[in-house]
Structure formats: C-alpha cells, structure tokens
Amino acid sequence: LTKQIFIFLYVLLNSPAVISFKVHGNYDGAVKINKPRRYRQYMNRKGGFNRPLDYIA
C-alpha cells in the first residue's frame, strides 16, 4: 500500500501541471523607469508654512 501511494505521489508531483515550465512568449525581464522627483515647498509658501501641504498628483 505504501509503495502504491509513493508511486501515485511521484506521478502526481512530476506532472507538467505541477512542474514550472517555460511558456513561449513569456520573457523574463523588466524595465526600470526613472520617474522625475516631485518636490514640495515647505517654506515661503503663499498663506504661511503652518497649513497642510499641497497635493502632488
């Protein structure tokens, strides 16, 4: 009984559905996009510095 279970698990775990395989057209890689930094002005703002910061989109 244990040998049959072992064979069953071996067949099940070695099936193509479980093993990761390469998919045609699935290229591994990435592109690094450098976004420009957006700065908030803390001092010398119209209306004074003691107010909520401006929204940055």
C-alpha atoms as a PDB file:
ATOM      1  CA  LEU A   1       0.000   0.000   0.000  1.00  0.00           C
ATOM      2  CA  THR A   2       2.770   2.459   0.814  1.00  0.00           C
ATOM      3  CA  LYS A   3       4.562   1.735  -2.456  1.00  0.00           C
ATOM      4  CA  GLN A   4       1.380   2.482  -4.407  1.00  0.00           C
ATOM      5  CA  ILE A   5       0.927   5.778  -2.578  1.00  0.00           C
ATOM      6  CA  PHE A   6       4.550   6.669  -3.221  1.00  0.00           C
ATOM      7  CA  ILE A   7       4.194   5.928  -6.947  1.00  0.00           C
ATOM      8  CA  PHE A   8       0.952   7.916  -7.094  1.00  0.00           C
ATOM      9  CA  LEU A   9       2.545  10.943  -5.434  1.00  0.00           C
ATOM     10  CA  TYR A  10       5.611  10.663  -7.666  1.00  0.00           C
ATOM     11  CA  VAL A  11       3.465  10.662 -10.810  1.00  0.00           C
ATOM     12  CA  LEU A  12       1.259  13.444  -9.477  1.00  0.00           C
ATOM     13  CA  LEU A  13       4.106  15.750  -8.455  1.00  0.00           C
ATOM     14  CA  ASN A  14       6.089  15.183 -11.652  1.00  0.00           C
ATOM     15  CA  SER A  15       3.225  16.044 -13.972  1.00  0.00           C
ATOM     16  CA  PRO A  16       3.644  19.095 -16.261  1.00  0.00           C
ATOM     17  CA  ALA A  17       0.852  20.892 -14.401  1.00  0.00           C
ATOM     18  CA  VAL A  18       2.898  20.967 -11.184  1.00  0.00           C
ATOM     19  CA  ILE A  19       6.406  21.465 -12.560  1.00  0.00           C
ATOM     20  CA  SER A  20       7.067  25.008 -13.672  1.00  0.00           C
ATOM     21  CA  PHE A  21       7.952  25.129 -17.327  1.00  0.00           C
ATOM     22  CA  LYS A  22       8.721  27.966 -19.722  1.00  0.00           C
ATOM     23  CA  VAL A  23       5.841  29.446 -21.646  1.00  0.00           C
ATOM     24  CA  HIS A  24       6.598  30.540 -25.194  1.00  0.00           C
ATOM     25  CA  GLY A  25       6.499  34.328 -25.396  1.00  0.00           C
ATOM     26  CA  ASN A  26       6.831  34.832 -21.666  1.00  0.00           C
ATOM     27  CA  TYR A  27      10.068  36.789 -21.494  1.00  0.00           C
ATOM     28  CA  ASP A  28      11.665  37.326 -18.120  1.00  0.00           C
ATOM     29  CA  GLY A  29      12.979  40.808 -17.651  1.00  0.00           C
ATOM     30  CA  ALA A  30      11.988  44.227 -16.513  1.00  0.00           C
ATOM     31  CA  VAL A  31      12.354  47.843 -17.444  1.00  0.00           C
ATOM     32  CA  LYS A  32      13.493  50.387 -14.905  1.00  0.00           C
ATOM     33  CA  ILE A  33      11.621  53.636 -15.385  1.00  0.00           C
ATOM     34  CA  ASN A  34      13.116  56.613 -13.587  1.00  0.00           C
ATOM     35  CA  LYS A  35      10.303  58.956 -12.650  1.00  0.00           C
ATOM     36  CA  PRO A  36      11.285  62.552 -12.011  1.00  0.00           C
ATOM     37  CA  ARG A  37      11.091  63.566  -8.369  1.00  0.00           C
ATOM     38  CA  ARG A  38       8.383  65.971  -7.353  1.00  0.00           C
ATOM     39  CA  TYR A  39       9.305  68.308  -4.546  1.00  0.00           C
ATOM     40  CA  ARG A  40       7.024  70.017  -2.061  1.00  0.00           C
ATOM     41  CA  GLN A  41       7.694  73.526  -0.952  1.00  0.00           C
ATOM     42  CA  TYR A  42       7.617  73.678   2.836  1.00  0.00           C
ATOM     43  CA  MET A  43       8.786  77.228   3.499  1.00  0.00           C
ATOM     44  CA  ASN A  44       7.972  80.557   1.856  1.00  0.00           C
ATOM     45  CA  ARG A  45       4.565  79.424   0.715  1.00  0.00           C
ATOM     46  CA  LYS A  46       1.651  81.694  -0.004  1.00  0.00           C
ATOM     47  CA  GLY A  47      -0.549  81.549   3.086  1.00  0.00           C
ATOM     48  CA  GLY A  48       2.276  80.670   5.500  1.00  0.00           C
ATOM     49  CA  PHE A  49       4.037  77.456   6.440  1.00  0.00           C
ATOM     50  CA  ASN A  50       1.590  76.271   9.103  1.00  0.00           C
ATOM     51  CA  ARG A  51      -1.002  74.705   6.788  1.00  0.00           C
ATOM     52  CA  PRO A  52      -1.482  71.369   5.009  1.00  0.00           C
ATOM     53  CA  LEU A  53       0.919  70.557   2.219  1.00  0.00           C
ATOM     54  CA  ASP A  54      -0.158  70.996  -1.374  1.00  0.00           C
ATOM     55  CA  TYR A  55      -1.442  67.919  -3.208  1.00  0.00           C
ATOM     56  CA  ILE A  56       1.044  66.234  -5.528  1.00  0.00           C
ATOM     57  CA  ALA A  57      -0.501  64.285  -8.400  1.00  0.00           C
END
